Amino acid sequence: MKKRLLRSLFTLLLAALVICGIPQTALAAPIEKTYTVRLADGIDEEIHSPDGSWIDDVVVVSGELPYGVVVGHKEDIMYIIGVPAYAGTYEARIDMEIGGGAYQYLIRIIVQDPNAPVTITKHPTGETVTEGGNAIFISRADNATEIIWRLVSPDTTTTYECKDASKYFPGLEVLGLGTDTLTLLNIPYTLDGWKVEAKFLGNNGPVFSHGARITVNRSELQMPVISIQPQGVELQQGTSVTLSVSATAPEGSLRYQWYRAESDASDGIAIPGAESANLLVNDALGSGYYYVGVWCVDGDRVSQMLLSNIAVIRFTAPEPTPEVTPPPTETPVTEADQPSPTIAPPAGQAAPARDNSSLLLILAAVGCAAVLGICVLMIVKRSRSR
């Protein structure tokens, strides 16, 4: 019976605690607020509860507020009020407790001395980005009443306020104007070499930070694509062959350079003037390993070089032409030139004696002709003497 009674009392106590609204964990991420005031002017700021609920209490959890400044609440409003006694930058985390939980605020109060000079405590630093990238610049100063971000040309002859930057650099986006943090988005290549500087205004006139150089690298071009490779061949000396390559450029235009090497290690030497898609190889260039480098160019952007396959060219000496010996010229032979056939005697018999009757007949004919000629001469002489 007593155990049941104690259990019931404990349950009623938990219900009462819930109804009374015990503060729970923060309902949202911390809310940042920054106030800049002059030492003589003081501060009087109001912050309404985010959900319109009445505020139960405000508590400074960490940090500090300027001496002479207090925080309080009334109904659904938290107020920060007072006249700071000392210049400086103060930060505090304040919890706003309400029936549904608690909200956190990060309060920064910058108290400026109207008679103190502007002193830069942080200069912006240079940034290197790729075309289309983003960069953040930070600069701070004590006793400044205003910050104006500016862009200064490489030769320092032209200056634009960052609030007008998109007029001169299309596509550029600027965030953080009037704060100590400037963000540039979608930075174009035309900003390469320009500088970002902060101009601080105060009682002793403007004070300028160091210029932070912007280095913009062009986005790298894609390499070309080779569709037809040069082909090697073996040919005779005194002839030639044209090596060709076919490639396409994703961007920009194509550039070529042919090389010749003594081996297939792609360590060749550039051939002077060989800067097109075709190369005429003749005896003057000789046998070797040939290949071509192809790359893309778009303005001042250059892609990496793509090397083709190696084409092996070999020149060989022509085969010697065999000598042809003309056939001997045949001289016609007459019957008179032909020797008389010699008939060998039968075996065991002596050769017959040679017949001289023909020779005797010839000699007799010659003798008769001579006698006849003498007779004719004598008759002619006798007839003349008469």
Protein backbone atom coordinates (compact mmCIF):
# COMPACT_ATOMS: atom_id res chain seq x y z
CA MET A 1 0.00 0.00 0.00
CA LYS A 2 2.80 2.45 0.92
CA LYS A 3 4.77 1.53 -2.25
CA ARG A 4 1.74 2.33 -4.42
CA LEU A 5 1.30 5.68 -2.67
CA LEU A 6 4.97 6.66 -3.18
CA ARG A 7 4.82 5.68 -6.85
CA SER A 8 1.75 7.87 -7.39
CA LEU A 9 3.35 10.86 -5.65
CA PHE A 10 6.48 10.50 -7.83
CA THR A 11 4.36 10.47 -10.99
CA LEU A 12 2.50 13.61 -9.92
CA LEU A 13 5.82 15.36 -9.20
CA LEU A 14 7.14 14.63 -12.72
CA ALA A 15 3.93 15.94 -14.26
CA ALA A 16 4.21 19.14 -12.22
CA LEU A 17 7.77 19.71 -13.38
CA VAL A 18 6.71 19.37 -17.01
CA ILE A 19 3.76 21.74 -16.52
CA CYS A 20 6.01 24.34 -14.85
CA GLY A 21 8.27 24.38 -17.92
CA ILE A 22 11.76 23.31 -16.90
CA PRO A 23 14.21 24.87 -19.45
CA GLN A 24 15.26 22.36 -22.06
CA THR A 25 18.21 22.32 -24.45
CA ALA A 26 18.60 25.10 -26.98
CA LEU A 27 15.83 25.16 -29.55
CA ALA A 28 18.03 26.52 -32.34
CA ALA A 29 21.63 27.30 -33.30
CA PRO A 30 23.16 30.39 -31.61
CA ILE A 31 22.02 33.69 -33.10
CA GLU A 32 24.83 36.19 -33.72
CA LYS A 33 24.38 39.93 -33.16
CA THR A 34 27.05 42.62 -33.62
CA TYR A 35 26.72 46.23 -32.46
CA THR A 36 29.17 49.07 -33.04
CA VAL A 37 28.82 52.13 -30.79
CA ARG A 38 30.83 55.20 -29.92
CA LEU A 39 32.04 55.62 -26.43
CA ALA A 40 29.93 58.72 -25.79
CA ASP A 41 26.76 57.54 -27.52
CA GLY A 42 25.96 54.39 -25.54
CA ILE A 43 23.79 51.47 -26.65
CA ASP A 44 20.05 50.78 -26.52
CA GLU A 45 19.04 47.64 -28.39
CA GLU A 46 16.00 45.34 -28.21
CA ILE A 47 15.78 41.68 -29.21
CA HIS A 48 12.38 39.99 -29.47
CA SER A 49 11.99 36.31 -28.67
CA PRO A 50 12.07 34.30 -31.91
CA ASP A 51 8.68 32.65 -31.34
CA GLY A 52 6.99 35.65 -29.67
CA SER A 53 6.82 33.92 -26.28
CA TRP A 54 7.33 35.86 -23.10
CA ILE A 55 10.82 35.65 -21.70
CA ASP A 56 11.30 34.01 -18.32
CA ASP A 57 14.90 35.09 -17.80
CA VAL A 58 18.16 36.10 -19.53
CA VAL A 59 21.49 34.78 -18.33
CA VAL A 60 25.02 35.77 -19.35
CA VAL A 61 26.57 32.33 -19.66
CA SER A 62 30.09 33.29 -20.78
CA GLY A 63 32.15 36.26 -21.88
CA GLU A 64 31.50 39.82 -20.75
CA LEU A 65 29.59 42.94 -21.64
CA PRO A 66 31.18 46.43 -21.59
CA TYR A 67 31.30 47.99 -18.15
CA GLY A 68 28.19 50.18 -17.84
CA VAL A 69 26.06 47.99 -20.18
CA VAL A 70 23.41 45.63 -18.80
CA VAL A 71 21.03 43.05 -20.23
CA GLY A 72 17.42 42.56 -19.07
CA HIS A 73 13.98 41.50 -20.27
CA LYS A 74 10.37 42.56 -20.25
CA GLU A 75 7.56 40.45 -21.62
CA ASP A 76 8.84 39.12 -24.99
CA ILE A 77 11.76 41.55 -25.31
CA MET A 78 15.40 41.25 -24.24
CA TYR A 79 17.15 44.59 -24.06
CA ILE A 80 20.79 45.65 -24.01
CA ILE A 81 21.24 49.13 -22.67
CA GLY A 82 23.88 51.39 -21.14
CA VAL A 83 26.85 53.67 -21.79
CA PRO A 84 30.17 51.78 -22.12
CA ALA A 85 32.92 53.13 -19.93
CA TYR A 86 35.82 51.83 -21.98
CA ALA A 87 36.54 51.32 -25.66
CA GLY A 88 37.20 47.87 -26.97
CA THR A 89 35.55 44.77 -28.42
CA TYR A 90 33.39 42.68 -26.09
CA GLU A 91 31.74 39.30 -26.69
CA ALA A 92 29.22 37.41 -24.51
CA ARG A 93 26.95 34.40 -24.85
CA ILE A 94 23.46 35.07 -23.48
CA ASP A 95 20.74 32.45 -22.99
CA MET A 96 17.15 33.64 -23.41
CA GLU A 97 15.01 31.29 -21.32
CA ILE A 98 11.37 30.93 -22.31
CA GLY A 99 8.58 28.50 -21.53
CA GLY A 100 9.44 26.22 -24.45
CA GLY A 101 13.20 26.07 -23.82
CA ALA A 102 16.14 28.42 -24.33
CA TYR A 103 17.66 30.41 -27.21
CA GLN A 104 21.35 31.23 -27.37
CA TYR A 105 22.70 34.58 -28.54
CA LEU A 106 26.29 35.50 -29.34
CA ILE A 107 26.52 39.24 -28.73
CA ARG A 108 29.49 41.29 -29.95
CA ILE A 109 29.71 44.94 -28.95
CA ILE A 110 32.42 47.11 -30.48
CA VAL A 111 32.94 50.29 -28.46
CA GLN A 112 34.90 52.93 -30.32
CA ASP A 113 36.76 55.85 -28.82
CA PRO A 114 35.97 58.89 -31.00
CA ASN A 115 39.34 60.36 -30.18
CA ALA A 116 41.39 57.23 -30.82
CA PRO A 117 43.06 56.67 -34.20
CA VAL A 118 42.14 53.75 -36.44
CA THR A 119 44.57 50.88 -35.92
CA ILE A 120 44.54 47.90 -38.28
CA THR A 121 44.89 44.67 -36.35
CA LYS A 122 44.60 42.26 -39.33
CA HIS A 123 45.43 42.73 -42.97
CA PRO A 124 43.87 40.59 -45.72
CA THR A 125 46.09 37.94 -47.30
CA GLY A 126 46.47 36.95 -50.94
CA GLU A 127 44.53 34.06 -52.43
CA THR A 128 45.17 31.73 -55.37
CA VAL A 129 42.14 30.25 -57.09
CA THR A 130 41.20 28.53 -60.32
CA GLU A 131 39.03 30.46 -62.75
CA GLY A 132 35.45 30.36 -61.45
CA GLY A 133 36.55 29.66 -57.87
CA ASN A 134 35.88 31.50 -54.59
CA ALA A 135 38.06 33.40 -52.12
CA ILE A 136 37.63 34.92 -48.64
CA PHE A 137 39.45 38.03 -47.36
CA ILE A 138 39.45 39.20 -43.73
CA SER A 139 40.63 42.50 -42.31
CA ARG A 140 40.01 44.18 -38.95
CA ALA A 141 40.82 47.49 -37.29
CA ASP A 142 40.21 49.12 -33.92
CA ASN A 143 38.32 52.41 -33.66
CA ALA A 144 37.05 52.24 -37.28
CA THR A 145 33.54 53.49 -37.90
CA GLU A 146 33.19 51.87 -41.33
CA ILE A 147 34.94 49.41 -43.63
CA ILE A 148 34.86 49.71 -47.42
CA TRP A 149 36.24 46.87 -49.53
CA ARG A 150 37.96 47.83 -52.78
CA LEU A 151 39.60 46.24 -55.84
CA VAL A 152 42.86 47.75 -57.12
CA SER A 153 44.30 47.05 -60.58
CA PRO A 154 47.78 45.48 -60.96
CA ASP A 155 49.29 48.84 -61.98
CA THR A 156 47.37 50.61 -59.14
CA THR A 157 45.86 53.11 -61.61
CA THR A 158 42.27 51.83 -61.33
CA THR A 159 40.20 51.25 -58.20
CA TYR A 160 36.65 49.95 -57.89
CA GLU A 161 34.57 49.58 -54.76
CA CYS A 162 33.52 45.97 -54.33
CA LYS A 163 29.87 46.96 -54.26
CA ASP A 164 30.26 47.88 -57.96
CA ALA A 165 32.58 45.00 -58.91
CA SER A 166 29.98 43.00 -60.86
CA LYS A 167 29.64 45.91 -63.30
CA TYR A 168 33.27 45.57 -64.32
CA PHE A 169 33.70 41.82 -63.85
CA PRO A 170 30.54 40.09 -65.14
CA GLY A 171 29.58 36.99 -63.19
CA LEU A 172 31.50 37.98 -60.05
CA GLU A 173 29.47 37.80 -56.83
CA VAL A 174 30.38 39.74 -53.68
CA LEU A 175 29.28 38.96 -50.12
CA GLY A 176 30.11 40.57 -46.79
CA LEU A 177 30.16 44.23 -47.77
CA GLY A 178 30.48 46.44 -44.68
CA THR A 179 31.84 43.55 -42.55
CA ASP A 180 35.35 42.39 -41.75
CA THR A 181 34.94 39.32 -44.01
CA LEU A 182 34.66 39.72 -47.78
CA THR A 183 33.73 36.75 -49.97
CA LEU A 184 34.21 36.72 -53.75
CA LEU A 185 32.34 34.04 -55.72
CA ASN A 186 32.82 32.88 -59.33
CA ILE A 187 36.06 34.80 -59.76
CA PRO A 188 36.82 35.45 -63.47
CA TYR A 189 40.29 35.20 -65.00
CA THR A 190 40.23 38.95 -65.68
CA LEU A 191 40.76 39.52 -61.93
CA ASP A 192 44.18 37.87 -62.08
CA GLY A 193 46.77 40.20 -60.56
CA TRP A 194 44.22 42.55 -58.97
CA LYS A 195 44.37 43.25 -55.24
CA VAL A 196 41.74 43.42 -52.52
CA GLU A 197 42.16 46.09 -49.86
CA ALA A 198 40.10 47.34 -46.94
CA LYS A 199 39.52 51.03 -46.40
CA PHE A 200 38.76 51.87 -42.77
CA LEU A 201 37.09 55.16 -41.85
CA GLY A 202 37.63 56.81 -38.47
CA ASN A 203 38.28 60.08 -36.67
CA ASN A 204 41.78 60.44 -38.05
CA GLY A 205 40.77 59.92 -41.68
CA PRO A 206 40.81 56.79 -43.84
CA VAL A 207 43.32 54.04 -43.21
CA PHE A 208 44.07 51.39 -45.87
CA SER A 209 45.06 47.81 -45.35
CA HIS A 210 47.70 46.02 -47.37
CA GLY A 211 46.60 44.86 -50.80
CA ALA A 212 45.87 41.13 -51.01
CA ARG A 213 46.79 39.82 -54.47
CA ILE A 214 44.33 37.60 -56.32
CA THR A 215 46.06 34.96 -58.46
CA VAL A 216 43.67 33.32 -60.89
CA ASN A 217 44.81 30.22 -62.76
CA ARG A 218 43.11 29.44 -66.02
CA SER A 219 41.13 26.24 -65.98
CA GLU A 220 43.18 23.59 -67.78
CA LEU A 221 42.11 22.64 -71.29
CA GLN A 222 41.22 19.05 -71.97
CA MET A 223 43.72 17.05 -73.98
CA PRO A 224 42.93 16.29 -77.63
CA VAL A 225 41.75 12.89 -78.84
CA ILE A 226 43.72 11.08 -81.57
CA SER A 227 41.48 9.04 -83.88
CA ILE A 228 43.98 8.01 -86.60
CA GLN A 229 47.57 7.11 -85.71
CA PRO A 230 50.61 7.41 -88.02
CA GLN A 231 51.63 4.08 -89.57
CA GLY A 232 55.17 2.78 -90.16
CA VAL A 233 56.36 1.38 -93.47
CA GLU A 234 59.45 -0.07 -95.17
CA LEU A 235 60.42 1.51 -98.49
CA GLN A 236 63.34 1.77 -100.87
CA GLN A 237 65.87 4.55 -100.89
CA GLY A 238 64.98 7.37 -103.22
CA THR A 239 61.26 7.13 -102.37
CA SER A 240 59.21 8.91 -99.68
CA VAL A 241 56.13 8.47 -97.51
CA THR A 242 53.73 10.89 -95.77
CA LEU A 243 52.90 10.21 -92.14
CA SER A 244 49.53 11.55 -90.96
CA VAL A 245 47.64 11.94 -87.71
CA SER A 246 43.98 12.85 -87.15
CA ALA A 247 42.85 14.41 -83.86
CA THR A 248 39.98 16.46 -82.44
CA ALA A 249 40.11 19.29 -79.87
CA PRO A 250 37.44 19.45 -77.13
CA GLU A 251 38.24 23.18 -76.83
CA GLY A 252 40.35 25.65 -78.78
CA SER A 253 42.53 24.65 -81.72
CA LEU A 254 45.13 21.94 -82.32
CA ARG A 255 48.91 22.27 -82.42
CA TYR A 256 51.39 19.66 -83.72
CA GLN A 257 55.09 18.83 -83.39
CA TRP A 258 56.75 15.82 -85.05
CA TYR A 259 59.72 14.04 -83.50
CA ARG A 260 62.35 11.56 -84.71
CA ALA A 261 64.14 9.13 -82.43
CA GLU A 262 66.80 6.43 -82.80
CA SER A 263 64.82 4.06 -80.58
CA ASP A 264 61.22 3.49 -79.53
CA ALA A 265 61.66 5.22 -76.16
CA SER A 266 59.80 8.42 -77.16
CA ASP A 267 62.94 10.46 -76.48
CA GLY A 268 63.15 11.93 -79.94
CA ILE A 269 64.28 15.32 -81.14
CA ALA A 270 61.79 17.82 -82.55
CA ILE A 271 61.95 18.11 -86.34
CA PRO A 272 62.24 21.82 -87.25
CA GLY A 273 59.20 23.11 -89.11
CA ALA A 274 57.26 19.85 -88.72
CA GLU A 275 54.22 21.48 -87.13
CA SER A 276 51.24 20.16 -89.09
CA ALA A 277 49.16 17.00 -89.12
CA ASN A 278 51.31 15.54 -91.97
CA LEU A 279 55.03 14.81 -92.27
CA LEU A 280 56.89 13.92 -95.48
CA VAL A 281 59.65 11.41 -94.70
CA ASN A 282 62.37 10.98 -97.34
CA ASP A 283 66.04 10.03 -97.56
CA ALA A 284 67.04 13.33 -95.97
CA LEU A 285 65.26 12.40 -92.72
CA GLY A 286 66.17 8.74 -93.06
CA SER A 287 65.13 5.65 -91.19
CA GLY A 288 63.97 6.07 -87.61
CA TYR A 289 61.16 6.11 -85.09
CA TYR A 290 58.66 8.91 -85.78
CA TYR A 291 55.82 10.22 -83.63
CA VAL A 292 53.86 13.46 -83.19
CA GLY A 293 52.79 15.48 -80.16
CA VAL A 294 49.33 17.05 -80.27
CA TRP A 295 47.90 19.62 -77.85
CA CYS A 296 45.08 22.20 -77.60
CA VAL A 297 45.43 25.99 -77.37
CA ASP A 298 42.71 28.47 -76.42
CA GLY A 299 44.05 31.98 -75.96
CA ASP A 300 46.69 31.70 -73.24
CA ARG A 301 45.34 28.35 -72.05
CA VAL A 302 47.31 25.30 -73.12
CA SER A 303 46.46 21.65 -72.58
CA GLN A 304 48.93 18.88 -71.90
CA MET A 305 50.59 17.26 -74.93
CA LEU A 306 49.31 13.90 -76.16
CA LEU A 307 51.86 11.71 -77.98
CA SER A 308 50.85 9.48 -80.87
CA ASN A 309 51.95 5.91 -81.45
CA ILE A 310 55.44 5.41 -82.87
CA ALA A 311 55.72 4.81 -86.62
CA VAL A 312 58.86 2.91 -87.68
CA ILE A 313 60.24 3.99 -91.07
CA ARG A 314 63.00 1.92 -92.70
CA PHE A 315 64.75 2.69 -95.99
CA THR A 316 66.36 -0.22 -97.83
CA ALA A 317 68.82 -0.23 -100.77
CA PRO A 318 67.24 -1.21 -104.12
CA GLU A 319 68.08 -4.69 -105.49
CA PRO A 320 70.85 -4.66 -108.20
CA THR A 321 69.65 -5.08 -111.86
CA PRO A 322 71.16 -8.25 -113.46
CA GLU A 323 73.40 -7.62 -116.56
CA VAL A 324 72.10 -9.15 -119.85
CA THR A 325 74.81 -10.46 -122.34
CA PRO A 326 73.67 -10.00 -125.98
CA PRO A 327 73.77 -13.16 -128.16
CA PRO A 328 76.74 -13.42 -130.67
CA THR A 329 76.13 -12.09 -134.20
CA GLU A 330 76.04 -14.91 -136.83
CA THR A 331 77.98 -14.30 -140.12
CA PRO A 332 76.38 -15.98 -143.21
CA VAL A 333 78.51 -18.71 -144.66
CA THR A 334 78.73 -19.22 -148.53
CA GLU A 335 79.37 -22.44 -150.29
CA ALA A 336 82.82 -21.21 -151.28
CA ASP A 337 83.71 -20.55 -147.65
CA GLN A 338 82.62 -23.97 -146.61
CA PRO A 339 85.51 -26.46 -146.47
CA SER A 340 85.30 -29.57 -148.55
CA PRO A 341 84.12 -32.42 -146.53
CA THR A 342 86.80 -34.85 -145.66
CA ILE A 343 85.80 -38.43 -145.81
CA ALA A 344 87.81 -40.64 -143.61
CA PRO A 345 88.89 -43.94 -145.16
CA PRO A 346 87.52 -47.07 -143.73
CA ALA A 347 89.38 -48.50 -140.90
CA GLY A 348 92.46 -50.41 -141.96
CA GLN A 349 92.70 -48.67 -145.40
CA ALA A 350 95.04 -45.89 -146.58
CA ALA A 351 93.57 -42.60 -147.74
CA PRO A 352 93.22 -42.34 -151.62
CA ALA A 353 95.60 -40.04 -153.59
CA ARG A 354 94.36 -36.45 -154.17
CA ASP A 355 93.05 -35.73 -157.81
CA ASN A 356 95.11 -32.86 -159.53
CA SER A 357 93.29 -32.82 -162.94
CA SER A 358 91.29 -29.71 -162.11
CA LEU A 359 94.42 -27.68 -161.40
CA LEU A 360 95.98 -28.71 -164.71
CA LEU A 361 92.91 -27.62 -166.63
CA ILE A 362 93.02 -24.18 -165.05
CA LEU A 363 96.66 -23.71 -165.89
CA ALA A 364 96.08 -24.73 -169.53
CA ALA A 365 93.22 -22.24 -169.83
CA VAL A 366 95.42 -19.43 -168.52
CA GLY A 367 98.20 -20.29 -170.97
CA CYS A 368 95.84 -20.25 -173.95
CA ALA A 369 94.48 -16.89 -172.95
CA ALA A 370 97.99 -15.45 -172.77
CA VAL A 371 98.93 -16.70 -176.25
CA LEU A 372 95.70 -15.37 -177.70
CA GLY A 373 96.41 -11.94 -176.20
CA ILE A 374 99.90 -11.79 -177.75
CA CYS A 375 98.53 -12.65 -181.19
CA VAL A 376 95.98 -9.90 -180.97
CA LEU A 377 98.65 -7.32 -180.13
CA MET A 378 100.83 -8.36 -183.11
CA ILE A 379 97.93 -8.07 -185.54
CA VAL A 380 97.12 -4.59 -184.27
CA LYS A 381 100.72 -3.37 -184.70
CA ARG A 382 100.96 -4.73 -188.27
CA SER A 383 97.82 -3.02 -189.38
CA ARG A 384 99.06 0.37 -188.08
CA SER A 385 102.38 0.07 -189.91
CA ARG A 386 100.64 -0.12 -193.31
